[in-house]
Amino acid sequence: MSAGETFAGQMLAAATDHLLELDQHDKERIFNLGYFTWVEQQGVDVADFRARKHQRFWRGLREIVPAWDAMIEAFNAETGALAAW
């Protein structure tokens, strides 16, 4: 099965009965699942991980998006990653 078929069959076919409205407790549980991935596996500092809990962290990322875009463009230019497109 191709990725497109899988996406269409699973994501595009999803309906509202596949959604769960989360309360604060559920949101905390989901956030805490990230501890293993980010802190224990990726070595992110606990304070940096906890900062992600607040909207100001995510809003602050908007300031560096142009720098990320420039880095992606530079990488693509250096590697020829888009040459085939």
PDB file of N, CA and C in Angstrom:
ATOM      1  N   MET A   1       0.847  -1.173   0.000  1.00  0.00           N
ATOM      2  CA  MET A   1       0.000   0.000   0.000  1.00  0.00           C
ATOM      3  C   MET A   1       0.896   1.241   0.000  1.00  0.00           C
ATOM      4  N   SER A   2       0.561   2.230  -0.789  1.00  0.00           N
ATOM      5  CA  SER A   2       1.363   3.453  -0.876  1.00  0.00           C
ATOM      6  C   SER A   2       1.023   4.397   0.276  1.00  0.00           C
ATOM      7  N   ALA A   3       1.907   5.363   0.497  1.00  0.00           N
ATOM      8  CA  ALA A   3       1.674   6.355   1.546  1.00  0.00           C
ATOM      9  C   ALA A   3       0.397   7.148   1.264  1.00  0.00           C
ATOM     10  N   GLY A   4       0.163   7.454  -0.002  1.00  0.00           N
ATOM     11  CA  GLY A   4      -1.051   8.194  -0.361  1.00  0.00           C
ATOM     12  C   GLY A   4      -2.317   7.421  -0.048  1.00  0.00           C
ATOM     13  N   GLU A   5      -2.287   6.142  -0.328  1.00  0.00           N
ATOM     14  CA  GLU A   5      -3.450   5.300  -0.031  1.00  0.00           C
ATOM     15  C   GLU A   5      -3.677   5.199   1.477  1.00  0.00           C
ATOM     16  N   THR A   6      -2.601   5.055   2.204  1.00  0.00           N
ATOM     17  CA  THR A   6      -2.716   4.976   3.660  1.00  0.00           C
ATOM     18  C   THR A   6      -3.257   6.279   4.223  1.00  0.00           C
ATOM     19  N   PHE A   7      -2.719   7.401   3.749  1.00  0.00           N
ATOM     20  CA  PHE A   7      -3.188   8.703   4.213  1.00  0.00           C
ATOM     21  C   PHE A   7      -4.676   8.874   3.904  1.00  0.00           C
ATOM     22  N   ALA A   8      -5.051   8.562   2.676  1.00  0.00           N
ATOM     23  CA  ALA A   8      -6.458   8.712   2.289  1.00  0.00           C
ATOM     24  C   ALA A   8      -7.361   7.809   3.113  1.00  0.00           C
ATOM     25  N   GLY A   9      -6.933   6.589   3.329  1.00  0.00           N
ATOM     26  CA  GLY A   9      -7.762   5.641   4.056  1.00  0.00           C
ATOM     27  C   GLY A   9      -7.884   5.931   5.530  1.00  0.00           C
ATOM     28  N   GLN A  10      -6.855   6.518   6.113  1.00  0.00           N
ATOM     29  CA  GLN A  10      -6.871   6.750   7.557  1.00  0.00           C
ATOM     30  C   GLN A  10      -7.200   8.195   7.931  1.00  0.00           C
ATOM     31  N   MET A  11      -6.524   9.134   7.326  1.00  0.00           N
ATOM     32  CA  MET A  11      -6.676  10.535   7.733  1.00  0.00           C
ATOM     33  C   MET A  11      -7.869  11.219   7.062  1.00  0.00           C
ATOM     34  N   LEU A  12      -7.976  11.043   5.760  1.00  0.00           N
ATOM     35  CA  LEU A  12      -9.055  11.727   5.061  1.00  0.00           C
ATOM     36  C   LEU A  12     -10.413  11.116   5.359  1.00  0.00           C
ATOM     37  N   ALA A  13     -10.418   9.866   5.784  1.00  0.00           N
ATOM     38  CA  ALA A  13     -11.682   9.194   6.099  1.00  0.00           C
ATOM     39  C   ALA A  13     -12.116   9.413   7.547  1.00  0.00           C
ATOM     40  N   ALA A  14     -11.283  10.076   8.348  1.00  0.00           N
ATOM     41  CA  ALA A  14     -11.619  10.284   9.758  1.00  0.00           C
ATOM     42  C   ALA A  14     -12.812  11.222   9.884  1.00  0.00           C
ATOM     43  N   ALA A  15     -13.656  10.908  10.833  1.00  0.00           N
ATOM     44  CA  ALA A  15     -14.841  11.728  11.095  1.00  0.00           C
ATOM     45  C   ALA A  15     -14.765  12.243  12.534  1.00  0.00           C
ATOM     46  N   THR A  16     -15.732  13.035  12.923  1.00  0.00           N
ATOM     47  CA  THR A  16     -15.711  13.614  14.266  1.00  0.00           C
ATOM     48  C   THR A  16     -15.798  12.560  15.364  1.00  0.00           C
ATOM     49  N   ASP A  17     -16.273  11.376  15.048  1.00  0.00           N
ATOM     50  CA  ASP A  17     -16.313  10.336  16.074  1.00  0.00           C
ATOM     51  C   ASP A  17     -14.915   9.780  16.372  1.00  0.00           C
ATOM     52  N   HIS A  18     -13.924  10.226  15.618  1.00  0.00           N
ATOM     53  CA  HIS A  18     -12.540   9.845  15.882  1.00  0.00           C
ATOM     54  C   HIS A  18     -11.835  10.864  16.777  1.00  0.00           C
ATOM     55  N   LEU A  19     -12.528  11.896  17.186  1.00  0.00           N
ATOM     56  CA  LEU A  19     -11.946  12.965  17.988  1.00  0.00           C
ATOM     57  C   LEU A  19     -12.323  12.811  19.453  1.00  0.00           C
ATOM     58  N   LEU A  20     -11.485  13.349  20.310  1.00  0.00           N
ATOM     59  CA  LEU A  20     -11.740  13.336  21.733  1.00  0.00           C
ATOM     60  C   LEU A  20     -11.534  14.747  22.256  1.00  0.00           C
ATOM     61  N   GLU A  21     -12.535  15.282  22.904  1.00  0.00           N
ATOM     62  CA  GLU A  21     -12.390  16.593  23.521  1.00  0.00           C
ATOM     63  C   GLU A  21     -11.664  16.399  24.844  1.00  0.00           C
ATOM     64  N   LEU A  22     -10.534  17.056  24.986  1.00  0.00           N
ATOM     65  CA  LEU A  22      -9.683  16.848  26.153  1.00  0.00           C
ATOM     66  C   LEU A  22      -9.981  17.853  27.252  1.00  0.00           C
ATOM     67  N   ASP A  23      -9.977  17.359  28.489  1.00  0.00           N
ATOM     68  CA  ASP A  23     -10.031  18.283  29.611  1.00  0.00           C
ATOM     69  C   ASP A  23      -8.594  18.563  30.054  1.00  0.00           C
ATOM     70  N   GLN A  24      -8.413  19.383  31.063  1.00  0.00           N
ATOM     71  CA  GLN A  24      -7.060  19.760  31.475  1.00  0.00           C
ATOM     72  C   GLN A  24      -6.243  18.550  31.918  1.00  0.00           C
ATOM     73  N   HIS A  25      -6.875  17.620  32.606  1.00  0.00           N
ATOM     74  CA  HIS A  25      -6.177  16.417  33.062  1.00  0.00           C
ATOM     75  C   HIS A  25      -5.654  15.606  31.866  1.00  0.00           C
ATOM     76  N   ASP A  26      -6.477  15.446  30.835  1.00  0.00           N
ATOM     77  CA  ASP A  26      -6.059  14.716  29.635  1.00  0.00           C
ATOM     78  C   ASP A  26      -4.890  15.415  28.950  1.00  0.00           C
ATOM     79  N   LYS A  27      -4.955  16.731  28.874  1.00  0.00           N
ATOM     80  CA  LYS A  27      -3.873  17.494  28.248  1.00  0.00           C
ATOM     81  C   LYS A  27      -2.564  17.315  29.006  1.00  0.00           C
ATOM     82  N   GLU A  28      -2.641  17.312  30.332  1.00  0.00           N
ATOM     83  CA  GLU A  28      -1.449  17.091  31.163  1.00  0.00           C
ATOM     84  C   GLU A  28      -0.854  15.712  30.900  1.00  0.00           C
ATOM     85  N   ARG A  29      -1.708  14.715  30.823  1.00  0.00           N
ATOM     86  CA  ARG A  29      -1.240  13.347  30.584  1.00  0.00           C
ATOM     87  C   ARG A  29      -0.511  13.252  29.248  1.00  0.00           C
ATOM     88  N   ILE A  30      -1.077  13.858  28.218  1.00  0.00           N
ATOM     89  CA  ILE A  30      -0.453  13.818  26.893  1.00  0.00           C
ATOM     90  C   ILE A  30       0.870  14.564  26.911  1.00  0.00           C
ATOM     91  N   PHE A  31       0.891  15.728  27.538  1.00  0.00           N
ATOM     92  CA  PHE A  31       2.135  16.495  27.623  1.00  0.00           C
ATOM     93  C   PHE A  31       3.220  15.681  28.323  1.00  0.00           C
ATOM     94  N   ASN A  32       2.857  15.032  29.401  1.00  0.00           N
ATOM     95  CA  ASN A  32       3.836  14.271  30.175  1.00  0.00           C
ATOM     96  C   ASN A  32       4.392  13.069  29.419  1.00  0.00           C
ATOM     97  N   LEU A  33       3.676  12.579  28.432  1.00  0.00           N
ATOM     98  CA  LEU A  33       4.207  11.488  27.604  1.00  0.00           C
ATOM     99  C   LEU A  33       5.466  11.930  26.854  1.00  0.00           C
ATOM    100  N   GLY A  34       5.575  13.204  26.586  1.00  0.00           N
ATOM    101  CA  GLY A  34       6.728  13.728  25.878  1.00  0.00           C
ATOM    102  C   GLY A  34       8.007  13.699  26.691  1.00  0.00           C
ATOM    103  N   TYR A  35       7.892  13.567  28.014  1.00  0.00           N
ATOM    104  CA  TYR A  35       9.087  13.563  28.863  1.00  0.00           C
ATOM    105  C   TYR A  35      10.064  12.484  28.429  1.00  0.00           C
ATOM    106  N   PHE A  36       9.575  11.291  28.209  1.00  0.00           N
ATOM    107  CA  PHE A  36      10.448  10.183  27.824  1.00  0.00           C
ATOM    108  C   PHE A  36      11.160  10.486  26.514  1.00  0.00           C
ATOM    109  N   THR A  37      10.405  10.979  25.533  1.00  0.00           N
ATOM    110  CA  THR A  37      10.994  11.256  24.233  1.00  0.00           C
ATOM    111  C   THR A  37      11.999  12.396  24.295  1.00  0.00           C
ATOM    112  N   TRP A  38      11.602  13.519  24.868  1.00  0.00           N
ATOM    113  CA  TRP A  38      12.440  14.707  24.801  1.00  0.00           C
ATOM    114  C   TRP A  38      13.543  14.733  25.841  1.00  0.00           C
ATOM    115  N   VAL A  39      13.229  14.407  27.079  1.00  0.00           N
ATOM    116  CA  VAL A  39      14.229  14.509  28.141  1.00  0.00           C
ATOM    117  C   VAL A  39      15.117  13.268  28.174  1.00  0.00           C
ATOM    118  N   GLU A  40      14.511  12.105  28.246  1.00  0.00           N
ATOM    119  CA  GLU A  40      15.299  10.887  28.412  1.00  0.00           C
ATOM    120  C   GLU A  40      15.979  10.434  27.120  1.00  0.00           C
ATOM    121  N   GLN A  41      15.320  10.560  25.982  1.00  0.00           N
ATOM    122  CA  GLN A  41      15.918  10.088  24.734  1.00  0.00           C
ATOM    123  C   GLN A  41      16.699  11.167  24.003  1.00  0.00           C
ATOM    124  N   GLN A  42      16.175  12.388  23.968  1.00  0.00           N
ATOM    125  CA  GLN A  42      16.816  13.454  23.189  1.00  0.00           C
ATOM    126  C   GLN A  42      17.742  14.333  24.019  1.00  0.00           C
ATOM    127  N   GLY A  43      17.693  14.182  25.354  1.00  0.00           N
ATOM    128  CA  GLY A  43      18.586  14.943  26.217  1.00  0.00           C
ATOM    129  C   GLY A  43      18.210  16.395  26.408  1.00  0.00           C
ATOM    130  N   VAL A  44      16.949  16.740  26.165  1.00  0.00           N
ATOM    131  CA  VAL A  44      16.494  18.114  26.394  1.00  0.00           C
ATOM    132  C   VAL A  44      16.462  18.368  27.896  1.00  0.00           C
ATOM    133  N   ASP A  45      16.930  19.535  28.307  1.00  0.00           N
ATOM    134  CA  ASP A  45      16.912  19.909  29.710  1.00  0.00           C
ATOM    135  C   ASP A  45      15.468  19.937  30.222  1.00  0.00           C
ATOM    136  N   VAL A  46      15.254  19.501  31.460  1.00  0.00           N
ATOM    137  CA  VAL A  46      13.905  19.429  32.022  1.00  0.00           C
ATOM    138  C   VAL A  46      13.240  20.800  32.005  1.00  0.00           C
ATOM    139  N   ALA A  47      13.983  21.843  32.333  1.00  0.00           N
ATOM    140  CA  ALA A  47      13.412  23.197  32.325  1.00  0.00           C
ATOM    141  C   ALA A  47      12.959  23.596  30.921  1.00  0.00           C
ATOM    142  N   ASP A  48      13.753  23.243  29.908  1.00  0.00           N
ATOM    143  CA  ASP A  48      13.374  23.541  28.524  1.00  0.00           C
ATOM    144  C   ASP A  48      12.147  22.741  28.117  1.00  0.00           C
ATOM    145  N   PHE A  49      12.080  21.501  28.567  1.00  0.00           N
ATOM    146  CA  PHE A  49      10.903  20.684  28.266  1.00  0.00           C
ATOM    147  C   PHE A  49       9.658  21.296  28.898  1.00  0.00           C
ATOM    148  N   ARG A  50       9.761  21.680  30.141  1.00  0.00           N
ATOM    149  CA  ARG A  50       8.591  22.259  30.839  1.00  0.00           C
ATOM    150  C   ARG A  50       8.155  23.582  30.221  1.00  0.00           C
ATOM    151  N   ALA A  51       9.099  24.320  29.647  1.00  0.00           N
ATOM    152  CA  ALA A  51       8.756  25.592  29.016  1.00  0.00           C
ATOM    153  C   ALA A  51       7.770  25.390  27.871  1.00  0.00           C
ATOM    154  N   ARG A  52       7.820  24.226  27.238  1.00  0.00           N
ATOM    155  CA  ARG A  52       6.935  23.917  26.108  1.00  0.00           C
ATOM    156  C   ARG A  52       5.469  23.826  26.514  1.00  0.00           C
ATOM    157  N   LYS A  53       5.229  23.780  27.787  1.00  0.00           N
ATOM    158  CA  LYS A  53       3.867  23.663  28.290  1.00  0.00           C
ATOM    159  C   LYS A  53       3.086  24.971  28.131  1.00  0.00           C
ATOM    160  N   HIS A  54       3.798  26.049  27.962  1.00  0.00           N
ATOM    161  CA  HIS A  54       3.179  27.371  27.937  1.00  0.00           C
ATOM    162  C   HIS A  54       3.123  27.930  26.522  1.00  0.00           C
ATOM    163  N   GLN A  55       2.050  28.599  26.208  1.00  0.00           N
ATOM    164  CA  GLN A  55       1.856  29.165  24.870  1.00  0.00           C
ATOM    165  C   GLN A  55       2.935  30.175  24.508  1.00  0.00           C
ATOM    166  N   ARG A  56       3.488  30.863  25.489  1.00  0.00           N
ATOM    167  CA  ARG A  56       4.532  31.856  25.170  1.00  0.00           C
ATOM    168  C   ARG A  56       5.743  31.195  24.510  1.00  0.00           C
ATOM    169  N   PHE A  57       6.030  29.937  24.839  1.00  0.00           N
ATOM    170  CA  PHE A  57       7.123  29.216  24.182  1.00  0.00           C
ATOM    171  C   PHE A  57       6.823  29.071  22.697  1.00  0.00           C
ATOM    172  N   TRP A  58       5.628  28.597  22.379  1.00  0.00           N
ATOM    173  CA  TRP A  58       5.264  28.337  20.987  1.00  0.00           C
ATOM    174  C   TRP A  58       5.127  29.630  20.202  1.00  0.00           C
ATOM    175  N   ARG A  59       4.584  30.664  20.832  1.00  0.00           N
ATOM    176  CA  ARG A  59       4.482  31.959  20.151  1.00  0.00           C
ATOM    177  C   ARG A  59       5.867  32.543  19.891  1.00  0.00           C
ATOM    178  N   GLY A  60       6.796  32.306  20.807  1.00  0.00           N
ATOM    179  CA  GLY A  60       8.153  32.802  20.651  1.00  0.00           C
ATOM    180  C   GLY A  60       8.877  32.184  19.468  1.00  0.00           C
ATOM    181  N   LEU A  61       8.472  30.982  19.078  1.00  0.00           N
ATOM    182  CA  LEU A  61       9.103  30.329  17.931  1.00  0.00           C
ATOM    183  C   LEU A  61       8.842  31.081  16.629  1.00  0.00           C
ATOM    184  N   ARG A  62       7.764  31.830  16.593  1.00  0.00           N
ATOM    185  CA  ARG A  62       7.438  32.573  15.371  1.00  0.00           C
ATOM    186  C   ARG A  62       8.567  33.520  14.974  1.00  0.00           C
ATOM    187  N   GLU A  63       9.274  34.030  15.958  1.00  0.00           N
ATOM    188  CA  GLU A  63      10.358  34.990  15.687  1.00  0.00           C
ATOM    189  C   GLU A  63      11.508  34.353  14.915  1.00  0.00           C
ATOM    190  N   ILE A  64      11.718  33.042  15.092  1.00  0.00           N
ATOM    191  CA  ILE A  64      12.871  32.409  14.455  1.00  0.00           C
ATOM    192  C   ILE A  64      12.523  31.634  13.186  1.00  0.00           C
ATOM    193  N   VAL A  65      11.262  31.641  12.802  1.00  0.00           N
ATOM    194  CA  VAL A  65      10.866  30.940  11.577  1.00  0.00           C
ATOM    195  C   VAL A  65      11.630  31.458  10.362  1.00  0.00           C
ATOM    196  N   PRO A  66      11.801  32.773  10.186  1.00  0.00           N
ATOM    197  CA  PRO A  66      12.578  33.230   9.028  1.00  0.00           C
ATOM    198  C   PRO A  66      14.009  32.681   9.011  1.00  0.00           C
ATOM    199  N   ALA A  67      14.630  32.557  10.177  1.00  0.00           N
ATOM    200  CA  ALA A  67      15.984  31.987  10.236  1.00  0.00           C
ATOM    201  C   ALA A  67      15.956  30.513   9.841  1.00  0.00           C
ATOM    202  N   TRP A  68      14.960  29.776  10.293  1.00  0.00           N
ATOM    203  CA  TRP A  68      14.834  28.365   9.899  1.00  0.00           C
ATOM    204  C   TRP A  68      14.648  28.252   8.383  1.00  0.00           C
ATOM    205  N   ASP A  69      13.786  29.112   7.835  1.00  0.00           N
ATOM    206  CA  ASP A  69      13.559  29.086   6.389  1.00  0.00           C
ATOM    207  C   ASP A  69      14.862  29.335   5.635  1.00  0.00           C
ATOM    208  N   ALA A  70      15.652  30.298   6.118  1.00  0.00           N
ATOM    209  CA  ALA A  70      16.933  30.602   5.463  1.00  0.00           C
ATOM    210  C   ALA A  70      17.874  29.405   5.547  1.00  0.00           C
ATOM    211  N   MET A  71      17.895  28.731   6.682  1.00  0.00           N
ATOM    212  CA  MET A  71      18.758  27.555   6.837  1.00  0.00           C
ATOM    213  C   MET A  71      18.311  26.430   5.905  1.00  0.00           C
ATOM    214  N   ILE A  72      17.022  26.247   5.758  1.00  0.00           N
ATOM    215  CA  ILE A  72      16.502  25.212   4.859  1.00  0.00           C
ATOM    216  C   ILE A  72      16.870  25.536   3.414  1.00  0.00           C
ATOM    217  N   GLU A  73      16.694  26.796   3.036  1.00  0.00           N
ATOM    218  CA  GLU A  73      17.049  27.204   1.679  1.00  0.00           C
ATOM    219  C   GLU A  73      18.544  27.017   1.409  1.00  0.00           C
ATOM    220  N   ALA A  74      19.373  27.353   2.395  1.00  0.00           N
ATOM    221  CA  ALA A  74      20.823  27.176   2.238  1.00  0.00           C
ATOM    222  C   ALA A  74      21.171  25.697   2.107  1.00  0.00           C
ATOM    223  N   PHE A  75      20.555  24.860   2.918  1.00  0.00           N
ATOM    224  CA  PHE A  75      20.793  23.421   2.843  1.00  0.00           C
ATOM    225  C   PHE A  75      20.390  22.887   1.474  1.00  0.00           C
ATOM    226  N   ASN A  76      19.219  23.279   1.017  1.00  0.00           N
ATOM    227  CA  ASN A  76      18.746  22.813  -0.279  1.00  0.00           C
ATOM    228  C   ASN A  76      19.669  23.260  -1.404  1.00  0.00           C
ATOM    229  N   ALA A  77      20.166  24.483  -1.307  1.00  0.00           N
ATOM    230  CA  ALA A  77      21.080  24.987  -2.329  1.00  0.00           C
ATOM    231  C   ALA A  77      22.411  24.228  -2.313  1.00  0.00           C
ATOM    232  N   GLU A  78      22.929  23.960  -1.118  1.00  0.00           N
ATOM    233  CA  GLU A  78      24.215  23.251  -0.984  1.00  0.00           C
ATOM    234  C   GLU A  78      24.132  21.807  -1.464  1.00  0.00           C
ATOM    235  N   THR A  79      23.027  21.156  -1.170  1.00  0.00           N
ATOM    236  CA  THR A  79      22.924  19.737  -1.462  1.00  0.00           C
ATOM    237  C   THR A  79      22.287  19.430  -2.800  1.00  0.00           C
ATOM    238  N   GLY A  80      21.654  20.442  -3.389  1.00  0.00           N
ATOM    239  CA  GLY A  80      20.924  20.199  -4.639  1.00  0.00           C
ATOM    240  C   GLY A  80      19.655  19.409  -4.398  1.00  0.00           C
ATOM    241  N   ALA A  81      19.133  19.447  -3.172  1.00  0.00           N
ATOM    242  CA  ALA A  81      17.972  18.639  -2.797  1.00  0.00           C
ATOM    243  C   ALA A  81      16.753  18.915  -3.666  1.00  0.00           C
ATOM    244  N   LEU A  82      16.659  20.116  -4.202  1.00  0.00           N
ATOM    245  CA  LEU A  82      15.469  20.447  -5.009  1.00  0.00           C
ATOM    246  C   LEU A  82      15.750  20.374  -6.507  1.00  0.00           C
ATOM    247  N   ALA A  83      16.936  19.972  -6.875  1.00  0.00           N
ATOM    248  CA  ALA A  83      17.298  19.935  -8.291  1.00  0.00           C
ATOM    249  C   ALA A  83      16.386  19.038  -9.107  1.00  0.00           C
ATOM    250  N   ALA A  84      15.927  17.955  -8.520  1.00  0.00           N
ATOM    251  CA  ALA A  84      15.059  17.008  -9.243  1.00  0.00           C
ATOM    252  C   ALA A  84      13.657  17.552  -9.409  1.00  0.00           C
ATOM    253  N   TRP A  85      13.294  18.549  -8.628  1.00  0.00           N
ATOM    254  CA  TRP A  85      11.926  19.081  -8.689  1.00  0.00           C
ATOM    255  C   TRP A  85      11.857  20.107  -9.773  1.00  0.00           C
TER     256      TRP A  85
END
